[in-house]
Amino acid sequence: MVEELLNRFAQFSIYKSSFNNVMGTILEVKNLAMDFGGLRALDNLDLDVKNGEIVALIGPNGSGKTTFFNCVTGIYTPTEGDIRDSQHGKNRRLSSINGLRPNLVTKKGLARTFQNIRLFSNMSVLENVMIGRHCRTRSGIAGAVFRNRATKEEEQKIVDDSYEVLKKIGLADYVNELAVNLPYGAQRRLEIARAMATEPFMLLLDEPAAGMNIRETKELDELILRIRENEGISILMIEHDMKLVMSLSDRIYVMDYGRKIADGTPEQIKNDPVVIKAYLGKEPDA
């Protein structure tokens, strides 16, 4: 009797472990390929992100990193392979998002920023964040025309929620300032605030530290950690600042010519001879 109970417990433990592993994965990419005419920009790429992770995607310019982001966020439909997510980080099963329009990908909980800042320059900081709330609104054309009570309450909630995001990002003092007048580092953070306003379970950050000075990069480092720790949002980022990548990342994927050439912890990547030859450009013992 005791032996039978132990066997059942062992089977349950195996099942529980397997279940937790499935639940832990919130983005899974398998055999992803993207062709532009005769050029293969992505070639048989595999990648996954677990709940609560900060994962970096690095590689030389032209290695396919932004093309990968464009496939995940619906800007491109991949030629081959599968991209699956966990429906706002809550579903037990991963579901395919191949071919979904960008607005539907955002609504599912994947939000991104861009390598080149894409703010609405002549709108206020608050208005830029309010735009990010659009995918979570319910009022339709009728509400906009007749201005019923529910519509007015929702509009006020959009304002309140957007201001709360600005406080979390450290931009509340700029709330009524035009986006174009913000310092460069603050503009970068405003893009992150707008993405966070969509209520994502994962942020995809495309070179968030590009063009930043040392102080701004340090503030970004602290901000990304706060977003993960305080908001429970996972991060997948493309970045060339190796100091930032090595200090923040739980895991790193390395690409070259559209292929994944390595993945592992920062320590493993730093000492991988293939990565050093293709990207880091120094000897392991240097």
C-alpha atoms as a PDB file:
ATOM      1  CA  MET A   1       0.000   0.000   0.000  1.00  0.00           C
ATOM      2  CA  VAL A   2       2.775   2.419   0.967  1.00  0.00           C
ATOM      3  CA  GLU A   3       4.748   1.478  -2.145  1.00  0.00           C
ATOM      4  CA  GLU A   4       1.701   2.131  -4.339  1.00  0.00           C
ATOM      5  CA  LEU A   5       1.195   5.577  -2.774  1.00  0.00           C
ATOM      6  CA  LEU A   6       4.861   6.434  -3.313  1.00  0.00           C
ATOM      7  CA  ASN A   7       4.586   5.428  -6.970  1.00  0.00           C
ATOM      8  CA  ARG A   8       1.508   7.610  -7.433  1.00  0.00           C
ATOM      9  CA  PHE A   9       3.249  10.526  -5.728  1.00  0.00           C
ATOM     10  CA  ALA A  10       6.259  10.099  -8.001  1.00  0.00           C
ATOM     11  CA  GLN A  11       4.012  10.094 -11.078  1.00  0.00           C
ATOM     12  CA  PHE A  12       2.226  13.219  -9.830  1.00  0.00           C
ATOM     13  CA  SER A  13       5.564  14.963  -9.210  1.00  0.00           C
ATOM     14  CA  ILE A  14       6.695  14.219 -12.755  1.00  0.00           C
ATOM     15  CA  TYR A  15       3.382  15.511 -14.137  1.00  0.00           C
ATOM     16  CA  LYS A  16       3.556  18.650 -11.976  1.00  0.00           C
ATOM     17  CA  SER A  17       7.113  19.359 -13.076  1.00  0.00           C
ATOM     18  CA  SER A  18       6.156  18.940 -16.722  1.00  0.00           C
ATOM     19  CA  PHE A  19       3.098  21.160 -16.272  1.00  0.00           C
ATOM     20  CA  ASN A  20       5.152  23.906 -14.608  1.00  0.00           C
ATOM     21  CA  ASN A  21       7.655  23.821 -17.450  1.00  0.00           C
ATOM     22  CA  VAL A  22       4.874  24.305 -19.997  1.00  0.00           C
ATOM     23  CA  MET A  23       3.362  27.107 -17.939  1.00  0.00           C
ATOM     24  CA  GLY A  24       6.781  28.723 -17.593  1.00  0.00           C
ATOM     25  CA  THR A  25       7.183  29.287 -21.340  1.00  0.00           C
ATOM     26  CA  ILE A  26       5.329  32.385 -22.538  1.00  0.00           C
ATOM     27  CA  LEU A  27       6.894  32.755 -26.004  1.00  0.00           C
ATOM     28  CA  GLU A  28       8.118  29.880 -28.161  1.00  0.00           C
ATOM     29  CA  VAL A  29       9.581  30.173 -31.652  1.00  0.00           C
ATOM     30  CA  LYS A  30      10.309  27.055 -33.698  1.00  0.00           C
ATOM     31  CA  ASN A  31      12.109  26.711 -37.047  1.00  0.00           C
ATOM     32  CA  LEU A  32      11.403  30.324 -37.990  1.00  0.00           C
ATOM     33  CA  ALA A  33      12.386  31.424 -41.501  1.00  0.00           C
ATOM     34  CA  MET A  34      11.818  34.683 -43.358  1.00  0.00           C
ATOM     35  CA  ASP A  35      12.569  35.147 -47.054  1.00  0.00           C
ATOM     36  CA  PHE A  36      12.700  38.382 -49.027  1.00  0.00           C
ATOM     37  CA  GLY A  37      12.849  37.244 -52.637  1.00  0.00           C
ATOM     38  CA  GLY A  38      16.037  35.187 -52.879  1.00  0.00           C
ATOM     39  CA  LEU A  39      17.395  36.424 -49.537  1.00  0.00           C
ATOM     40  CA  ARG A  40      16.829  34.339 -46.406  1.00  0.00           C
ATOM     41  CA  ALA A  41      16.885  36.847 -43.541  1.00  0.00           C
ATOM     42  CA  LEU A  42      15.958  34.291 -40.845  1.00  0.00           C
ATOM     43  CA  ASP A  43      17.005  30.664 -41.119  1.00  0.00           C
ATOM     44  CA  ASN A  44      15.586  27.896 -38.905  1.00  0.00           C
ATOM     45  CA  LEU A  45      15.565  30.048 -35.769  1.00  0.00           C
ATOM     46  CA  ASP A  46      14.500  28.591 -32.394  1.00  0.00           C
ATOM     47  CA  LEU A  47      13.958  30.761 -29.311  1.00  0.00           C
ATOM     48  CA  ASP A  48      11.887  30.783 -26.145  1.00  0.00           C
ATOM     49  CA  VAL A  49      11.226  33.118 -23.224  1.00  0.00           C
ATOM     50  CA  LYS A  50      10.115  31.992 -19.784  1.00  0.00           C
ATOM     51  CA  ASN A  51       7.834  33.902 -17.465  1.00  0.00           C
ATOM     52  CA  GLY A  52       9.745  36.602 -15.568  1.00  0.00           C
ATOM     53  CA  GLU A  53      12.905  36.410 -17.676  1.00  0.00           C
ATOM     54  CA  ILE A  54      14.996  39.156 -19.217  1.00  0.00           C
ATOM     55  CA  VAL A  55      16.336  37.705 -22.469  1.00  0.00           C
ATOM     56  CA  ALA A  56      18.686  39.494 -24.863  1.00  0.00           C
ATOM     57  CA  LEU A  57      19.053  38.941 -28.590  1.00  0.00           C
ATOM     58  CA  ILE A  58      22.446  40.084 -29.888  1.00  0.00           C
ATOM     59  CA  GLY A  59      24.443  39.873 -33.094  1.00  0.00           C
ATOM     60  CA  PRO A  60      26.121  41.985 -35.773  1.00  0.00           C
ATOM     61  CA  ASN A  61      24.157  44.567 -37.758  1.00  0.00           C
ATOM     62  CA  GLY A  62      22.164  42.818 -40.464  1.00  0.00           C
ATOM     63  CA  SER A  63      22.015  39.498 -38.622  1.00  0.00           C
ATOM     64  CA  GLY A  64      18.187  39.473 -38.639  1.00  0.00           C
ATOM     65  CA  LYS A  65      17.329  40.662 -35.137  1.00  0.00           C
ATOM     66  CA  THR A  66      14.795  43.350 -36.086  1.00  0.00           C
ATOM     67  CA  THR A  67      13.351  41.077 -38.777  1.00  0.00           C
ATOM     68  CA  PHE A  68      12.725  38.566 -36.002  1.00  0.00           C
ATOM     69  CA  PHE A  69      10.913  41.220 -33.928  1.00  0.00           C
ATOM     70  CA  ASN A  70       8.840  42.145 -36.983  1.00  0.00           C
ATOM     71  CA  CYS A  71       7.780  38.515 -37.400  1.00  0.00           C
ATOM     72  CA  VAL A  72       6.818  38.149 -33.744  1.00  0.00           C
ATOM     73  CA  THR A  73       4.796  41.385 -33.672  1.00  0.00           C
ATOM     74  CA  GLY A  74       2.884  40.781 -36.898  1.00  0.00           C
ATOM     75  CA  ILE A  75       4.606  43.280 -39.191  1.00  0.00           C
ATOM     76  CA  TYR A  76       5.915  40.344 -41.264  1.00  0.00           C
ATOM     77  CA  THR A  77       4.330  36.941 -41.780  1.00  0.00           C
ATOM     78  CA  PRO A  78       7.140  34.361 -41.580  1.00  0.00           C
ATOM     79  CA  THR A  79       7.847  32.159 -44.587  1.00  0.00           C
ATOM     80  CA  GLU A  80       8.196  29.060 -42.407  1.00  0.00           C
ATOM     81  CA  GLY A  81       8.056  28.045 -38.761  1.00  0.00           C
ATOM     82  CA  ASP A  82       5.780  28.821 -35.863  1.00  0.00           C
ATOM     83  CA  ILE A  83       5.499  31.562 -33.228  1.00  0.00           C
ATOM     84  CA  ARG A  84       3.372  30.759 -30.199  1.00  0.00           C
ATOM     85  CA  ASP A  85       2.517  32.707 -27.074  1.00  0.00           C
ATOM     86  CA  SER A  86       0.507  32.041 -23.937  1.00  0.00           C
ATOM     87  CA  GLN A  87      -2.440  34.437 -24.432  1.00  0.00           C
ATOM     88  CA  HIS A  88      -1.476  37.287 -22.133  1.00  0.00           C
ATOM     89  CA  GLY A  89       0.746  34.973 -20.097  1.00  0.00           C
ATOM     90  CA  LYS A  90      -2.203  33.135 -18.514  1.00  0.00           C
ATOM     91  CA  ASN A  91      -3.253  30.239 -20.744  1.00  0.00           C
ATOM     92  CA  ARG A  92      -1.998  26.735 -20.069  1.00  0.00           C
ATOM     93  CA  ARG A  93      -1.395  26.108 -23.751  1.00  0.00           C
ATOM     94  CA  LEU A  94       0.651  28.120 -26.193  1.00  0.00           C
ATOM     95  CA  SER A  95      -1.236  29.269 -29.288  1.00  0.00           C
ATOM     96  CA  SER A  96       0.077  30.303 -32.693  1.00  0.00           C
ATOM     97  CA  ILE A  97       0.260  33.998 -33.533  1.00  0.00           C
ATOM     98  CA  ASN A  98       1.616  33.532 -37.076  1.00  0.00           C
ATOM     99  CA  GLY A  99       0.030  36.051 -39.423  1.00  0.00           C
ATOM    100  CA  LEU A 100      -1.887  37.965 -36.737  1.00  0.00           C
ATOM    101  CA  ARG A 101      -2.198  41.685 -37.413  1.00  0.00           C
ATOM    102  CA  PRO A 102       0.041  43.876 -35.201  1.00  0.00           C
ATOM    103  CA  ASN A 103      -2.915  45.311 -33.256  1.00  0.00           C
ATOM    104  CA  LEU A 104      -4.102  41.798 -32.367  1.00  0.00           C
ATOM    105  CA  VAL A 105      -0.605  40.745 -31.314  1.00  0.00           C
ATOM    106  CA  THR A 106      -0.526  43.797 -29.025  1.00  0.00           C
ATOM    107  CA  LYS A 107      -3.954  42.941 -27.653  1.00  0.00           C
ATOM    108  CA  LYS A 108      -2.696  39.437 -26.820  1.00  0.00           C
ATOM    109  CA  GLY A 109      -0.019  41.002 -24.617  1.00  0.00           C
ATOM    110  CA  LEU A 110       3.134  41.473 -26.727  1.00  0.00           C
ATOM    111  CA  ALA A 111       4.173  45.146 -26.960  1.00  0.00           C
ATOM    112  CA  ARG A 112       7.287  46.594 -28.578  1.00  0.00           C
ATOM    113  CA  THR A 113       9.414  49.668 -28.991  1.00  0.00           C
ATOM    114  CA  PHE A 114      11.417  50.542 -32.096  1.00  0.00           C
ATOM    115  CA  GLN A 115      15.069  51.125 -32.861  1.00  0.00           C
ATOM    116  CA  ASN A 116      14.201  54.590 -34.212  1.00  0.00           C
ATOM    117  CA  ILE A 117      11.996  56.595 -31.852  1.00  0.00           C
ATOM    118  CA  ARG A 118       8.396  56.659 -33.122  1.00  0.00           C
ATOM    119  CA  LEU A 119       6.564  59.088 -30.869  1.00  0.00           C
ATOM    120  CA  PHE A 120       3.787  61.482 -31.830  1.00  0.00           C
ATOM    121  CA  SER A 121       6.077  64.485 -31.513  1.00  0.00           C
ATOM    122  CA  ASN A 122       3.435  67.226 -31.424  1.00  0.00           C
ATOM    123  CA  MET A 123       1.221  65.463 -28.903  1.00  0.00           C
ATOM    124  CA  SER A 124       1.743  65.676 -25.164  1.00  0.00           C
ATOM    125  CA  VAL A 125       3.530  63.035 -23.138  1.00  0.00           C
ATOM    126  CA  LEU A 126       0.212  61.997 -21.571  1.00  0.00           C
ATOM    127  CA  GLU A 127      -1.510  61.772 -24.961  1.00  0.00           C
ATOM    128  CA  ASN A 128       1.255  59.522 -26.306  1.00  0.00           C
ATOM    129  CA  VAL A 129       0.647  57.078 -23.463  1.00  0.00           C
ATOM    130  CA  MET A 130      -3.139  57.331 -23.810  1.00  0.00           C
ATOM    131  CA  ILE A 131      -2.799  56.092 -27.388  1.00  0.00           C
ATOM    132  CA  GLY A 132      -1.324  52.888 -25.989  1.00  0.00           C
ATOM    133  CA  ARG A 133      -4.568  52.294 -24.075  1.00  0.00           C
ATOM    134  CA  HIS A 134      -6.577  52.031 -27.305  1.00  0.00           C
ATOM    135  CA  CYS A 135      -6.353  48.238 -27.499  1.00  0.00           C
ATOM    136  CA  ARG A 136      -7.955  47.961 -24.023  1.00  0.00           C
ATOM    137  CA  THR A 137     -10.915  50.295 -24.648  1.00  0.00           C
ATOM    138  CA  ARG A 138     -14.509  49.139 -25.182  1.00  0.00           C
ATOM    139  CA  SER A 139     -16.369  52.223 -26.359  1.00  0.00           C
ATOM    140  CA  GLY A 140     -17.191  52.170 -30.060  1.00  0.00           C
ATOM    141  CA  ILE A 141     -18.491  54.678 -32.562  1.00  0.00           C
ATOM    142  CA  ALA A 142     -21.832  55.022 -30.792  1.00  0.00           C
ATOM    143  CA  GLY A 143     -20.129  55.920 -27.524  1.00  0.00           C
ATOM    144  CA  ALA A 144     -17.965  58.531 -29.251  1.00  0.00           C
ATOM    145  CA  VAL A 145     -21.025  60.108 -30.893  1.00  0.00           C
ATOM    146  CA  PHE A 146     -23.514  60.077 -28.003  1.00  0.00           C
ATOM    147  CA  ARG A 147     -20.994  60.511 -25.181  1.00  0.00           C
ATOM    148  CA  ASN A 148     -22.874  58.327 -22.693  1.00  0.00           C
ATOM    149  CA  ARG A 149     -21.833  57.906 -19.087  1.00  0.00           C
ATOM    150  CA  ALA A 150     -19.879  54.677 -19.699  1.00  0.00           C
ATOM    151  CA  THR A 151     -17.833  56.368 -22.420  1.00  0.00           C
ATOM    152  CA  LYS A 152     -16.995  59.350 -20.218  1.00  0.00           C
ATOM    153  CA  GLU A 153     -15.978  57.079 -17.339  1.00  0.00           C
ATOM    154  CA  GLU A 154     -13.786  55.023 -19.634  1.00  0.00           C
ATOM    155  CA  GLU A 155     -12.110  58.147 -21.013  1.00  0.00           C
ATOM    156  CA  GLN A 156     -11.332  59.341 -17.495  1.00  0.00           C
ATOM    157  CA  LYS A 157      -9.927  55.920 -16.627  1.00  0.00           C
ATOM    158  CA  ILE A 158      -7.660  56.079 -19.696  1.00  0.00           C
ATOM    159  CA  VAL A 159      -6.291  59.408 -18.438  1.00  0.00           C
ATOM    160  CA  ASP A 160      -5.822  58.079 -14.895  1.00  0.00           C
ATOM    161  CA  ASP A 161      -4.206  54.817 -15.998  1.00  0.00           C
ATOM    162  CA  SER A 162      -1.873  56.624 -18.409  1.00  0.00           C
ATOM    163  CA  TYR A 163      -0.737  59.009 -15.671  1.00  0.00           C
ATOM    164  CA  GLU A 164      -0.040  56.031 -13.389  1.00  0.00           C
ATOM    165  CA  VAL A 165       2.200  54.520 -16.074  1.00  0.00           C
ATOM    166  CA  LEU A 166       4.085  57.814 -16.375  1.00  0.00           C
ATOM    167  CA  LYS A 167       4.686  57.815 -12.621  1.00  0.00           C
ATOM    168  CA  LYS A 168       6.093  54.287 -12.776  1.00  0.00           C
ATOM    169  CA  ILE A 169       8.419  55.238 -15.639  1.00  0.00           C
ATOM    170  CA  GLY A 170       9.520  58.462 -13.934  1.00  0.00           C
ATOM    171  CA  LEU A 171       7.978  60.868 -16.452  1.00  0.00           C
ATOM    172  CA  ALA A 172       5.107  62.332 -14.418  1.00  0.00           C
ATOM    173  CA  ASP A 173       6.811  65.750 -14.319  1.00  0.00           C
ATOM    174  CA  TYR A 174       6.594  65.915 -18.135  1.00  0.00           C
ATOM    175  CA  VAL A 175       2.893  64.985 -18.326  1.00  0.00           C
ATOM    176  CA  ASN A 176       1.757  68.062 -20.317  1.00  0.00           C
ATOM    177  CA  GLU A 177       5.007  68.604 -22.234  1.00  0.00           C
ATOM    178  CA  LEU A 178       5.119  67.977 -25.990  1.00  0.00           C
ATOM    179  CA  ALA A 179       6.980  64.746 -26.715  1.00  0.00           C
ATOM    180  CA  VAL A 180       9.336  66.542 -29.096  1.00  0.00           C
ATOM    181  CA  ASN A 181      10.613  68.729 -26.234  1.00  0.00           C
ATOM    182  CA  LEU A 182      11.734  65.825 -24.032  1.00  0.00           C
ATOM    183  CA  PRO A 183      15.424  65.009 -23.561  1.00  0.00           C
ATOM    184  CA  TYR A 184      16.540  62.058 -25.677  1.00  0.00           C
ATOM    185  CA  GLY A 185      16.647  59.548 -22.822  1.00  0.00           C
ATOM    186  CA  ALA A 186      13.177  60.608 -21.678  1.00  0.00           C
ATOM    187  CA  GLN A 187      11.841  60.077 -25.212  1.00  0.00           C
ATOM    188  CA  ARG A 188      13.161  56.521 -25.099  1.00  0.00           C
ATOM    189  CA  ARG A 189      11.436  55.963 -21.767  1.00  0.00           C
ATOM    190  CA  LEU A 190       8.208  57.455 -23.141  1.00  0.00           C
ATOM    191  CA  GLU A 191       8.187  54.788 -25.850  1.00  0.00           C
ATOM    192  CA  ILE A 192       8.448  52.159 -23.124  1.00  0.00           C
ATOM    193  CA  ALA A 193       5.624  53.869 -21.196  1.00  0.00           C
ATOM    194  CA  ARG A 194       3.370  53.775 -24.257  1.00  0.00           C
ATOM    195  CA  ALA A 195       4.111  50.073 -24.720  1.00  0.00           C
ATOM    196  CA  MET A 196       3.377  49.401 -21.039  1.00  0.00           C
ATOM    197  CA  ALA A 197       0.020  51.172 -21.356  1.00  0.00           C
ATOM    198  CA  THR A 198      -1.167  48.238 -23.504  1.00  0.00           C
ATOM    199  CA  GLU A 199      -0.924  45.981 -20.405  1.00  0.00           C
ATOM    200  CA  PRO A 200       1.588  43.531 -21.880  1.00  0.00           C
ATOM    201  CA  PHE A 201       2.948  40.349 -20.356  1.00  0.00           C
ATOM    202  CA  MET A 202       6.090  40.844 -22.470  1.00  0.00           C
ATOM    203  CA  LEU A 203       7.969  43.886 -23.736  1.00  0.00           C
ATOM    204  CA  LEU A 204      10.073  43.596 -26.889  1.00  0.00           C
ATOM    205  CA  LEU A 205      12.645  46.395 -26.752  1.00  0.00           C
ATOM    206  CA  ASP A 206      14.552  47.119 -29.967  1.00  0.00           C
ATOM    207  CA  GLU A 207      17.878  48.720 -28.981  1.00  0.00           C
ATOM    208  CA  PRO A 208      16.456  50.722 -26.066  1.00  0.00           C
ATOM    209  CA  ALA A 209      19.884  52.146 -25.122  1.00  0.00           C
ATOM    210  CA  ALA A 210      20.781  53.332 -28.645  1.00  0.00           C
ATOM    211  CA  GLY A 211      22.167  56.868 -28.529  1.00  0.00           C
ATOM    212  CA  MET A 212      22.049  57.126 -24.742  1.00  0.00           C
ATOM    213  CA  ASN A 213      24.836  58.550 -22.606  1.00  0.00           C
ATOM    214  CA  ILE A 214      26.215  56.728 -19.561  1.00  0.00           C
ATOM    215  CA  ARG A 215      23.749  58.292 -17.110  1.00  0.00           C
ATOM    216  CA  GLU A 216      20.744  57.582 -19.332  1.00  0.00           C
ATOM    217  CA  THR A 217      21.860  53.998 -19.851  1.00  0.00           C
ATOM    218  CA  LYS A 218      22.160  53.496 -16.100  1.00  0.00           C
ATOM    219  CA  GLU A 219      18.622  54.848 -15.630  1.00  0.00           C
ATOM    220  CA  LEU A 220      17.390  52.473 -18.354  1.00  0.00           C
ATOM    221  CA  ASP A 221      19.096  49.530 -16.627  1.00  0.00           C
ATOM    222  CA  GLU A 222      17.285  50.354 -13.378  1.00  0.00           C
ATOM    223  CA  LEU A 223      13.979  50.908 -15.201  1.00  0.00           C
ATOM    224  CA  ILE A 224      14.040  47.532 -16.948  1.00  0.00           C
ATOM    225  CA  LEU A 225      14.703  45.771 -13.659  1.00  0.00           C
ATOM    226  CA  ARG A 226      11.825  47.668 -11.995  1.00  0.00           C
ATOM    227  CA  ILE A 227       9.458  46.712 -14.802  1.00  0.00           C
ATOM    228  CA  ARG A 228      10.331  43.052 -14.372  1.00  0.00           C
ATOM    229  CA  GLU A 229      10.268  43.051 -10.576  1.00  0.00           C
ATOM    230  CA  ASN A 230       7.329  45.396  -9.893  1.00  0.00           C
ATOM    231  CA  GLU A 231       5.078  44.755 -12.883  1.00  0.00           C
ATOM    232  CA  GLY A 232       5.862  41.083 -13.561  1.00  0.00           C
ATOM    233  CA  ILE A 233       6.564  41.829 -17.227  1.00  0.00           C
ATOM    234  CA  SER A 234       9.062  39.682 -19.106  1.00  0.00           C
ATOM    235  CA  ILE A 235      11.582  41.405 -21.377  1.00  0.00           C
ATOM    236  CA  LEU A 236      13.014  40.379 -24.751  1.00  0.00           C
ATOM    237  CA  MET A 237      15.474  42.966 -25.997  1.00  0.00           C
ATOM    238  CA  ILE A 238      17.793  43.606 -28.909  1.00  0.00           C
ATOM    239  CA  GLU A 239      20.817  45.533 -27.718  1.00  0.00           C
ATOM    240  CA  HIS A 240      24.405  46.340 -28.750  1.00  0.00           C
ATOM    241  CA  ASP A 241      25.508  47.723 -25.376  1.00  0.00           C
ATOM    242  CA  MET A 242      27.255  44.626 -24.041  1.00  0.00           C
ATOM    243  CA  LYS A 243      27.643  46.026 -20.540  1.00  0.00           C
ATOM    244  CA  LEU A 244      23.871  46.475 -20.325  1.00  0.00           C
ATOM    245  CA  VAL A 245      23.214  43.051 -21.855  1.00  0.00           C
ATOM    246  CA  MET A 246      25.582  41.210 -19.539  1.00  0.00           C
ATOM    247  CA  SER A 247      24.320  42.956 -16.396  1.00  0.00           C
ATOM    248  CA  LEU A 248      20.586  42.536 -17.083  1.00  0.00           C
ATOM    249  CA  SER A 249      20.065  39.300 -18.970  1.00  0.00           C
ATOM    250  CA  ASP A 250      19.102  35.937 -17.541  1.00  0.00           C
ATOM    251  CA  ARG A 251      19.814  34.354 -20.925  1.00  0.00           C
ATOM    252  CA  ILE A 252      21.246  35.558 -24.234  1.00  0.00           C
ATOM    253  CA  TYR A 253      20.659  34.411 -27.819  1.00  0.00           C
ATOM    254  CA  VAL A 254      23.273  35.239 -30.455  1.00  0.00           C
ATOM    255  CA  MET A 255      22.452  35.563 -34.166  1.00  0.00           C
ATOM    256  CA  ASP A 256      24.619  35.777 -37.258  1.00  0.00           C
ATOM    257  CA  TYR A 257      23.396  35.782 -40.875  1.00  0.00           C
ATOM    258  CA  GLY A 258      19.863  34.958 -39.748  1.00  0.00           C
ATOM    259  CA  ARG A 259      20.867  31.894 -37.743  1.00  0.00           C
ATOM    260  CA  LYS A 260      21.149  31.274 -34.033  1.00  0.00           C
ATOM    261  CA  ILE A 261      24.797  30.501 -33.328  1.00  0.00           C
ATOM    262  CA  ALA A 262      24.650  30.302 -29.520  1.00  0.00           C
ATOM    263  CA  ASP A 263      22.452  30.680 -26.472  1.00  0.00           C
ATOM    264  CA  GLY A 264      23.117  30.558 -22.758  1.00  0.00           C
ATOM    265  CA  THR A 265      23.820  32.610 -19.662  1.00  0.00           C
ATOM    266  CA  PRO A 266      25.884  35.812 -19.909  1.00  0.00           C
ATOM    267  CA  GLU A 267      28.917  33.941 -18.587  1.00  0.00           C
ATOM    268  CA  GLN A 268      28.538  31.178 -21.171  1.00  0.00           C
ATOM    269  CA  ILE A 269      28.094  33.646 -24.022  1.00  0.00           C
ATOM    270  CA  LYS A 270      31.036  35.783 -22.914  1.00  0.00           C
ATOM    271  CA  ASN A 271      33.343  32.783 -23.135  1.00  0.00           C
ATOM    272  CA  ASP A 272      31.888  31.085 -26.227  1.00  0.00           C
ATOM    273  CA  PRO A 273      34.596  31.028 -28.947  1.00  0.00           C
ATOM    274  CA  VAL A 274      32.022  31.025 -31.763  1.00  0.00           C
ATOM    275  CA  VAL A 275      30.394  34.167 -30.366  1.00  0.00           C
ATOM    276  CA  ILE A 276      33.732  35.831 -29.794  1.00  0.00           C
ATOM    277  CA  LYS A 277      34.759  35.209 -33.390  1.00  0.00           C
ATOM    278  CA  ALA A 278      31.447  36.315 -34.906  1.00  0.00           C
ATOM    279  CA  TYR A 279      30.531  39.238 -32.685  1.00  0.00           C
ATOM    280  CA  LEU A 280      32.386  40.126 -29.507  1.00  0.00           C
ATOM    281  CA  GLY A 281      35.716  40.426 -31.284  1.00  0.00           C
ATOM    282  CA  LYS A 282      38.137  39.458 -28.529  1.00  0.00           C
ATOM    283  CA  GLU A 283      39.854  36.390 -27.191  1.00  0.00           C
ATOM    284  CA  PRO A 284      38.252  34.436 -24.305  1.00  0.00           C
ATOM    285  CA  ASP A 285      41.174  35.175 -21.986  1.00  0.00           C
ATOM    286  CA  ALA A 286      41.390  38.855 -22.867  1.00  0.00           C
END
